[in-house]
Structures are given as C-alpha cells and as structure tokens.
Protein backbone atom coordinates (compact mmCIF):
# COMPACT_ATOMS: atom_id res chain seq x y z
CA MET A 1 4.31 -66.89 73.50
CA ASN A 2 7.84 -66.24 74.74
CA LYS A 3 10.33 -68.88 73.57
CA THR A 4 13.80 -69.67 74.84
CA ASP A 5 17.08 -69.78 72.95
CA TYR A 6 20.42 -70.94 74.35
CA GLY A 7 23.92 -69.59 73.99
CA GLY A 8 27.44 -70.27 75.23
CA ILE A 9 30.25 -67.73 75.29
CA GLU A 10 33.91 -68.69 75.51
CA VAL A 11 35.64 -65.72 77.14
CA SER A 12 39.29 -64.74 76.80
CA ALA A 13 41.15 -61.52 77.47
CA GLU A 14 40.77 -60.26 73.88
CA LYS A 15 37.86 -62.07 72.24
CA LEU A 16 34.46 -63.65 72.80
CA LEU A 17 33.36 -66.71 70.85
CA VAL A 18 29.57 -67.18 70.78
CA ALA A 19 27.69 -70.41 70.07
CA LEU A 20 23.93 -69.84 69.73
CA GLU A 21 20.93 -72.10 69.15
CA ARG A 22 17.87 -70.17 67.99
CA ASP A 23 14.50 -71.85 67.62
CA GLY A 24 16.16 -75.30 67.71
CA ALA A 25 18.70 -74.50 64.97
CA ARG A 26 22.38 -73.95 65.66
CA GLN A 27 23.71 -70.67 64.29
CA PRO A 28 27.20 -70.20 62.85
CA GLN A 29 29.57 -69.18 65.61
CA ARG A 30 30.29 -65.48 65.89
CA GLU A 31 33.40 -63.78 67.27
CA PHE A 32 33.43 -60.43 69.10
CA THR A 33 36.17 -58.46 70.78
CA ASN A 34 36.07 -58.30 74.57
CA THR A 35 35.42 -54.54 74.70
CA PRO A 36 32.45 -52.47 75.96
CA SER A 37 31.51 -51.44 72.43
CA ASP A 38 31.36 -55.05 71.20
CA HIS A 39 29.47 -56.07 74.35
CA ALA A 40 26.64 -53.84 73.15
CA VAL A 41 26.87 -55.36 69.65
CA LEU A 42 26.75 -58.86 71.15
CA CYS A 43 23.63 -58.00 73.17
CA ARG A 44 21.88 -56.77 70.03
CA TYR A 45 22.89 -59.98 68.22
CA LEU A 46 21.42 -62.17 70.97
CA LEU A 47 18.19 -60.23 71.53
CA ARG A 48 15.09 -61.06 69.49
CA ALA A 49 11.54 -59.85 70.05
CA GLY A 50 9.38 -62.37 71.92
CA ARG A 51 12.35 -64.59 72.82
CA THR A 52 14.43 -65.14 75.95
CA VAL A 53 18.07 -66.12 75.56
CA ARG A 54 19.80 -68.10 78.30
CA VAL A 55 23.55 -67.52 78.05
CA CYS A 56 26.23 -69.45 79.90
CA LEU A 57 29.86 -68.48 80.47
CA GLU A 58 32.46 -69.68 82.94
CA SER A 59 32.94 -67.64 86.10
CA THR A 60 36.72 -67.61 85.79
CA GLY A 61 37.60 -64.03 86.73
CA VAL A 62 37.44 -60.41 85.68
CA TYR A 63 37.60 -61.02 81.90
CA GLY A 64 33.94 -62.02 81.84
CA LEU A 65 32.62 -59.70 84.55
CA ASP A 66 31.92 -56.65 82.37
CA LEU A 67 30.28 -58.90 79.77
CA ALA A 68 28.04 -60.50 82.43
CA LEU A 69 27.04 -57.06 83.69
CA ALA A 70 26.18 -55.96 80.15
CA LEU A 71 24.12 -59.10 79.47
CA SER A 72 22.25 -58.98 82.78
CA GLY A 73 21.15 -55.42 82.06
CA HIS A 74 18.71 -56.61 79.36
CA PRO A 75 15.33 -58.17 80.34
CA GLY A 76 15.43 -60.61 77.43
CA LEU A 77 18.82 -62.03 78.39
CA GLN A 78 19.52 -64.39 81.28
CA VAL A 79 23.18 -65.02 82.12
CA ARG A 80 24.72 -67.77 84.22
CA GLY A 81 28.29 -67.85 85.47
CA ALA A 82 28.95 -71.58 85.62
CA ASN A 83 31.50 -73.17 87.92
CA PRO A 84 34.50 -74.15 85.76
CA ARG A 85 34.73 -77.55 87.45
CA ALA A 86 31.07 -78.30 86.68
CA VAL A 87 31.61 -77.32 83.06
CA ARG A 88 34.73 -79.48 82.83
CA HIS A 89 32.93 -82.55 84.18
CA PHE A 90 30.00 -81.86 81.86
CA ALA A 91 32.39 -81.64 78.90
CA THR A 92 33.99 -84.94 79.94
CA ALA A 93 30.55 -86.59 79.88
CA LEU A 94 30.09 -85.38 76.29
CA MET A 95 33.34 -87.18 75.35
CA PRO A 96 34.80 -84.58 72.96
CA ARG A 97 37.82 -85.72 70.99
CA SER A 98 39.57 -82.36 71.20
CA LYS A 99 39.61 -79.16 73.22
CA THR A 100 39.40 -75.90 71.29
CA ASP A 101 37.70 -72.56 71.85
CA PRO A 102 34.88 -73.33 69.36
CA LEU A 103 34.25 -76.67 71.09
CA ASP A 104 34.29 -74.98 74.51
CA ALA A 105 31.66 -72.48 73.32
CA GLU A 106 29.45 -75.38 72.15
CA VAL A 107 29.89 -77.14 75.50
CA LEU A 108 28.74 -74.00 77.30
CA ARG A 109 25.71 -73.76 75.02
CA GLU A 110 24.83 -77.38 75.78
CA PHE A 111 25.37 -76.69 79.49
CA ALA A 112 22.91 -73.77 79.36
CA GLN A 113 20.34 -75.94 77.61
CA ARG A 114 20.58 -79.19 79.55
CA MET A 115 21.53 -78.23 83.09
CA PRO A 116 19.24 -76.49 85.64
CA PHE A 117 19.59 -72.80 84.86
CA GLN A 118 20.19 -70.37 87.72
CA PRO A 119 20.27 -66.78 86.44
CA TRP A 120 23.06 -64.59 87.79
CA ARG A 121 22.02 -61.40 89.54
CA ALA A 122 24.43 -58.49 89.23
CA PRO A 123 25.71 -57.20 92.59
CA SER A 124 25.58 -53.48 93.32
CA PRO A 125 28.49 -51.34 92.04
CA ALA A 126 29.48 -50.62 95.65
CA ALA A 127 29.67 -54.34 96.46
CA LEU A 128 31.82 -55.03 93.39
CA ALA A 129 34.13 -52.12 94.24
CA LEU A 130 34.45 -53.32 97.84
CA GLN A 131 35.33 -56.84 96.68
CA ALA A 132 38.06 -55.48 94.39
CA LEU A 133 39.50 -53.37 97.23
CA ALA A 134 39.39 -56.26 99.72
CA ARG A 135 41.10 -58.71 97.38
CA ARG A 136 43.81 -56.17 96.61
CA LEU A 137 44.28 -55.67 100.35
CA ALA A 138 44.63 -59.44 100.83
CA ALA A 139 47.20 -59.62 98.03
CA LEU A 140 49.20 -56.71 99.48
CA THR A 141 49.11 -58.30 102.94
CA GLU A 142 50.63 -61.47 101.48
CA LEU A 143 53.29 -59.43 99.63
CA GLN A 144 54.08 -57.53 102.83
CA LYS A 145 54.59 -60.79 104.69
CA GLN A 146 57.03 -61.99 102.03
CA GLU A 147 58.89 -58.68 102.05
CA LYS A 148 59.24 -58.77 105.85
CA ASN A 149 60.81 -62.22 105.55
CA ARG A 150 63.25 -60.88 102.94
CA VAL A 151 64.19 -57.95 105.18
CA HIS A 152 64.79 -60.33 108.09
CA ALA A 153 66.95 -62.62 105.94
CA ALA A 154 68.89 -59.65 104.54
CA ARG A 155 69.71 -58.35 108.03
CA VAL A 156 70.95 -61.74 109.21
CA SER A 157 73.56 -62.05 106.45
CA GLU A 158 76.59 -59.75 106.58
CA THR A 159 77.06 -60.25 102.83
CA THR A 160 73.88 -58.29 101.98
CA PRO A 161 74.78 -54.95 100.39
CA ALA A 162 73.41 -51.87 102.13
CA ALA A 163 71.71 -50.84 98.87
CA VAL A 164 69.68 -54.07 98.83
CA LEU A 165 68.60 -53.62 102.44
CA ARG A 166 67.57 -50.01 101.79
CA ASP A 167 65.57 -51.06 98.73
CA LEU A 168 63.75 -53.79 100.68
CA GLN A 169 62.90 -51.36 103.48
CA ARG A 170 61.69 -48.79 100.94
CA SER A 171 59.48 -51.45 99.31
CA LEU A 172 58.09 -52.46 102.71
CA ARG A 173 57.23 -48.87 103.60
CA SER A 174 55.51 -48.43 100.23
CA GLN A 175 53.37 -51.53 100.85
CA CYS A 176 52.41 -50.28 104.35
CA ARG A 177 51.28 -46.94 102.88
CA ALA A 178 49.30 -48.72 100.16
CA LEU A 179 47.59 -50.93 102.75
CA ALA A 180 46.61 -47.91 104.86
CA ARG A 181 45.36 -46.01 101.79
CA LEU A 182 43.25 -48.87 100.43
CA THR A 183 41.83 -49.60 103.90
CA ARG A 184 40.67 -45.98 104.15
CA GLU A 185 39.10 -46.26 100.68
CA ALA A 186 37.25 -49.44 101.68
CA LEU A 187 35.94 -47.92 104.91
CA GLN A 188 34.79 -44.77 103.10
CA LEU A 189 33.01 -46.90 100.51
CA ILE A 190 31.22 -48.83 103.24
CA ALA A 191 30.25 -45.62 105.07
CA GLN A 192 28.64 -44.21 101.90
CA ASP A 193 26.33 -47.21 101.43
CA PRO A 194 23.70 -47.65 104.23
CA GLU A 195 23.22 -51.37 103.57
CA LEU A 196 26.94 -52.09 103.57
CA GLN A 197 27.41 -49.99 106.70
CA LEU A 198 24.68 -51.91 108.55
CA ARG A 199 26.15 -55.25 107.55
CA PHE A 200 29.64 -54.07 108.45
CA GLN A 201 28.51 -53.27 112.00
CA LEU A 202 26.81 -56.65 112.25
CA VAL A 203 29.99 -58.42 111.15
CA LEU A 204 32.01 -56.43 113.70
CA SER A 205 29.67 -57.64 116.46
CA THR A 206 30.85 -61.21 115.84
CA PRO A 207 33.56 -62.39 118.30
CA GLY A 208 37.01 -62.60 116.79
CA ILE A 209 36.24 -60.30 113.86
CA ALA A 210 37.96 -56.92 113.83
CA GLU A 211 38.03 -54.23 111.15
CA THR A 212 40.42 -55.87 108.68
CA SER A 213 38.69 -59.26 108.75
CA ALA A 214 35.28 -57.57 108.62
CA VAL A 215 36.18 -55.81 105.37
CA GLN A 216 37.40 -59.07 103.80
CA ILE A 217 34.36 -61.09 104.90
CA LEU A 218 31.79 -58.45 104.00
CA ALA A 219 33.35 -57.96 100.56
CA GLU A 220 32.82 -61.61 99.68
CA LEU A 221 29.31 -61.83 101.17
CA ALA A 222 28.03 -58.55 99.68
CA VAL A 223 28.22 -59.86 96.10
CA LEU A 224 26.11 -62.96 96.80
CA SER A 225 22.52 -63.13 95.63
CA PRO A 226 20.02 -62.27 98.41
CA ASN A 227 17.98 -65.36 97.43
CA LEU A 228 20.65 -67.84 98.53
CA GLN A 229 20.03 -70.09 101.52
CA VAL A 230 22.56 -70.63 104.27
CA ARG A 231 23.53 -74.06 102.92
CA GLN A 232 24.35 -72.39 99.63
CA TRP A 233 26.56 -69.92 101.50
CA VAL A 234 28.40 -72.86 103.04
CA ALA A 235 28.79 -74.53 99.63
CA HIS A 236 29.96 -71.24 98.11
CA ALA A 237 32.69 -71.04 100.75
CA GLY A 238 33.73 -74.66 100.10
CA LEU A 239 32.97 -75.60 103.70
CA ASP A 240 30.40 -78.30 102.97
CA PRO A 241 31.48 -81.87 103.81
CA ARG A 242 32.38 -84.26 100.99
CA GLN A 243 31.70 -87.93 101.68
CA TYR A 244 33.41 -90.66 99.68
CA SER A 245 32.19 -94.24 100.05
CA SER A 246 31.50 -97.14 97.77
CA GLY A 247 30.12 -100.54 98.72
CA SER A 248 31.30 -102.01 101.97
CA SER A 249 35.05 -101.54 101.59
CA VAL A 250 35.65 -97.95 100.43
CA HIS A 251 35.02 -95.39 103.16
CA LYS A 252 37.35 -92.41 103.02
CA LYS A 253 37.43 -89.68 105.62
CA THR A 254 34.87 -86.93 105.24
CA ARG A 255 36.53 -83.68 104.26
CA ILE A 256 35.42 -80.24 103.19
CA ARG A 257 35.42 -79.69 99.44
CA LYS A 258 37.59 -76.54 99.34
CA THR A 259 36.31 -75.83 95.84
CA GLY A 260 34.47 -72.68 96.85
CA ASN A 261 35.51 -69.11 97.61
CA ARG A 262 38.99 -69.29 99.16
CA HIS A 263 38.91 -65.58 100.01
CA LEU A 264 35.89 -66.13 102.25
CA ARG A 265 37.43 -69.18 103.92
CA ARG A 266 40.65 -67.27 104.55
CA GLY A 267 38.75 -64.30 105.98
CA LEU A 268 36.94 -66.51 108.49
CA TYR A 269 39.94 -68.60 109.57
CA MET A 270 41.71 -66.20 111.96
CA PRO A 271 38.46 -64.91 113.55
CA ALA A 272 37.53 -68.52 114.29
CA LEU A 273 40.89 -69.09 116.01
CA VAL A 274 40.41 -65.97 118.15
CA ALA A 275 36.80 -66.84 119.01
CA VAL A 276 37.77 -70.38 120.03
CA ARG A 277 40.26 -68.97 122.54
CA HIS A 278 38.22 -66.10 123.97
CA ASP A 279 34.46 -66.34 123.36
CA PRO A 280 32.72 -68.67 125.86
CA PRO A 281 29.92 -70.05 123.59
CA VAL A 282 32.29 -70.61 120.67
CA ARG A 283 34.92 -72.16 122.93
CA ALA A 284 32.33 -74.44 124.53
CA PHE A 285 31.12 -75.57 121.10
CA TYR A 286 34.73 -76.27 120.08
CA GLN A 287 35.44 -78.25 123.26
CA HIS A 288 32.21 -80.18 122.80
CA LEU A 289 33.38 -81.34 119.38
CA LEU A 290 36.80 -82.33 120.74
CA GLU A 291 35.11 -84.40 123.45
CA ARG A 292 33.15 -86.22 120.74
CA GLY A 293 36.44 -87.29 119.17
CA LYS A 294 36.85 -84.68 116.46
CA LEU A 295 40.34 -83.59 115.51
CA LYS A 296 41.32 -80.00 116.27
CA MET A 297 41.20 -78.94 112.64
CA GLN A 298 37.83 -80.64 112.13
CA ALA A 299 36.45 -78.79 115.15
CA LEU A 300 37.89 -75.50 113.90
CA VAL A 301 36.30 -75.95 110.48
CA ALA A 302 32.98 -76.63 112.23
CA VAL A 303 33.44 -73.34 114.12
CA ILE A 304 34.10 -71.50 110.86
CA ARG A 305 30.93 -73.00 109.41
CA LYS A 306 29.00 -71.98 112.56
CA LEU A 307 30.26 -68.40 112.24
CA LEU A 308 29.09 -68.34 108.63
CA HIS A 309 25.65 -69.59 109.74
CA ALA A 310 25.63 -66.85 112.39
CA LEU A 311 26.44 -64.16 109.82
CA TYR A 312 23.64 -65.39 107.59
CA GLY A 313 21.16 -65.19 110.45
CA MET A 314 22.41 -61.75 111.48
CA PHE A 315 21.99 -60.38 107.96
CA LYS A 316 18.47 -61.79 107.75
CA SER A 317 17.32 -60.61 111.19
CA ARG A 318 19.48 -57.45 111.21
CA GLN A 319 20.42 -58.26 114.79
CA PRO A 320 23.96 -58.38 116.26
CA PHE A 321 25.73 -61.58 117.25
CA ASP A 322 24.11 -63.64 120.01
CA GLY A 323 26.35 -66.40 121.29
CA SER A 324 23.46 -68.25 122.91
CA LYS A 325 22.03 -68.97 119.46
CA LEU A 326 25.33 -70.43 118.31
CA TYR A 327 25.75 -72.75 121.29
CA ARG A 328 23.88 -72.68 124.60
CA LEU A 329 26.17 -72.86 127.60
CA PRO A 330 25.37 -74.74 130.79
CA GLU A 331 24.31 -72.24 133.44
CA GLU A 332 27.39 -72.72 135.58
CA THR A 333 29.72 -71.80 132.67
CA CYS A 334 27.79 -68.76 131.41
CA VAL A 335 30.36 -66.40 132.92
CA LEU A 336 32.91 -64.48 130.91
CA GLN A 337 36.56 -64.97 131.63
CA PRO A 338 38.06 -62.28 133.92
CA GLY A 339 38.98 -59.16 132.03
CA PHE A 340 37.31 -60.31 128.81
CA SER A 341 34.29 -59.02 126.93
CA THR A 342 32.89 -59.95 123.56
CA THR A 343 33.27 -56.31 122.52
CA GLU A 344 37.01 -56.55 123.05
CA ALA A 345 37.18 -59.73 120.96
CA ALA A 346 35.45 -57.99 118.07
C-alpha cells in the first residue's frame, strides 16, 4: 500500500532547507545547495519505494523554479507552489514565537500536511521561455518609458551637458533595439510551437489586442494548468471581487483582490480600454454597467474580467472571438461604427 510523507522546503538563492516527516516521524532537517547537482541529491533523499512525498515550497520567483521542475519530474514526488500570503496567514495561525529559516521549513511541511494539496504541473519548456521573454519585454518597456522622460527633461534644461544628452539617447536606442530583438525571439518561439501559435492567433482575434499585448497575455496564460476552471483564471489574475462585511454596521466597498498575477492584469488593461472605445459588444456591455450605477473603473475591471472569460472559452473551443457571446446587442445597435472593423481593433 502506497503511503504519504510530507515535506517543506525553504528556498533561498544559495541553499535549500528541508523539513521532512516520514511515516509520522519528523526527520532532522537537511540542508542542500540550490544547484542542479544538489537538486538530484535532494530528490534521491526524498524518494522511498512504496511511498509518495508531498512537498511544499513558496512560489516566490525563479529561485525555486528549477527545483520544482526537478521534483515534478519524479512520479513519487508531488510538489506544490504555495501562495506566500496563504503560507504567511497559516504561519500566523500556528502562533510561532520567532521567524527563522528552520521554522519556515517546518511551517511549509505543516502546510503540505494539513491544507488541501493541489499538485503543481510543470508547464512546457516553450511556455516557460515565452513567459521569461514577455516579462523581460515588459520590464524593458517600463525602462524605455523612464528613459524617454529623462531625455525630455534633459532637453528642456539648458544646463544639461551635451555628453549627458548623448548618453541618454544612446541608452534609449539600445533599449529600442533590445525590444525589437526580444520581440522577434518571442514570435519565433511561438511560431515553432503549434499549440502556442494556435492560441496566439486566438488571442489576436480578440478586439483591442494587438501583437505586443498578445505576447504578454499568452505568456502568462500558457503556463497555467489545463485543468483550471475559468473562475480559477480570474482568481489567478487577482480580478475576483473581495467582499468585506461584518454584522449590520461594517459594509466596505467590494473591490478586486489584486493579489494575483499583476503581469496578466497589466496585459489586459490597455486592450480593455481600446475595446471599450471601439468594439460594439464590449462598449455596450460597458455602457450597460455605467447605466446600472457602476463607476468607470468598476465597469472597466468588469470588461477585463469578461475578456479573460472570453479567452478561456476561446482556448477551450478553439474558436476565434465572438462578441455576441460576450454581450448580445439589441438588433438596432448591431452595426459597426463607420470605418471600423474588429479586425482593425485587433
């Protein structure tokens, strides 16, 4: 009979601290270096014949990604990347007197044992590479915006030395070349993977989404487990509403949580603005919400959530965007604005 053990791994840039409970008995904590060679040693330490080990670590960034990939490659190991906020609240409930790496490893082991366990499924290498490219593109775009502001400020002031202005312009040109190069790399990566290419074309069929936004959105959606439901997509993006009420006197405004994937929210924001202005079904849905008394930002967030629902349905059905499924227009308004087509909006 297959039995289950539980482990927690505290991850840092240089080391891994492992707390393990085997057959109901806590083992002395072990320390490993955060390197590929020690990842293999750690897997051998955790594996035992006839036993399944459920391992929990925080999903805090790239330091634990290679470890999670190594762990998920073994049938006897199940890995979960836990939300850091959930782990923190769980640790608070345990009322520890201190916070140290050994205590954090024990908290993660307890979390794996007591909380509902949802095994992490490794995305494809192409999806992981696309996500890395897209996030670098987003970071470079932000840097480019800052550098453009510096160039503008430098030109306004007569006290700016010519050498400083030349250096800023050189930096800006370098960032533009890097953006063009990485965009080509991302598009080539998508073209080489049939599934990514199909999804990319589906994303492009959505009003308001052009090539740059499509790369950003697809990169964040491609790494998600195919077993997730659309409500889980919404929660992952941090777009699910958070209600706060207590008794008869405390009723705060309902807001979105914003604790999910900020890259996905950012990727959907500008397409939603464009779709609200130019796509008839999306605009009608937006106006309908305003007429019901919603604020403009509340209505826009609802549009973003609708677009995410639409993408989920498109990926499942493998059909392009259909505005009538998002919001059905009255017959007299089912006419596109002069000179506008949904193809142009995409």
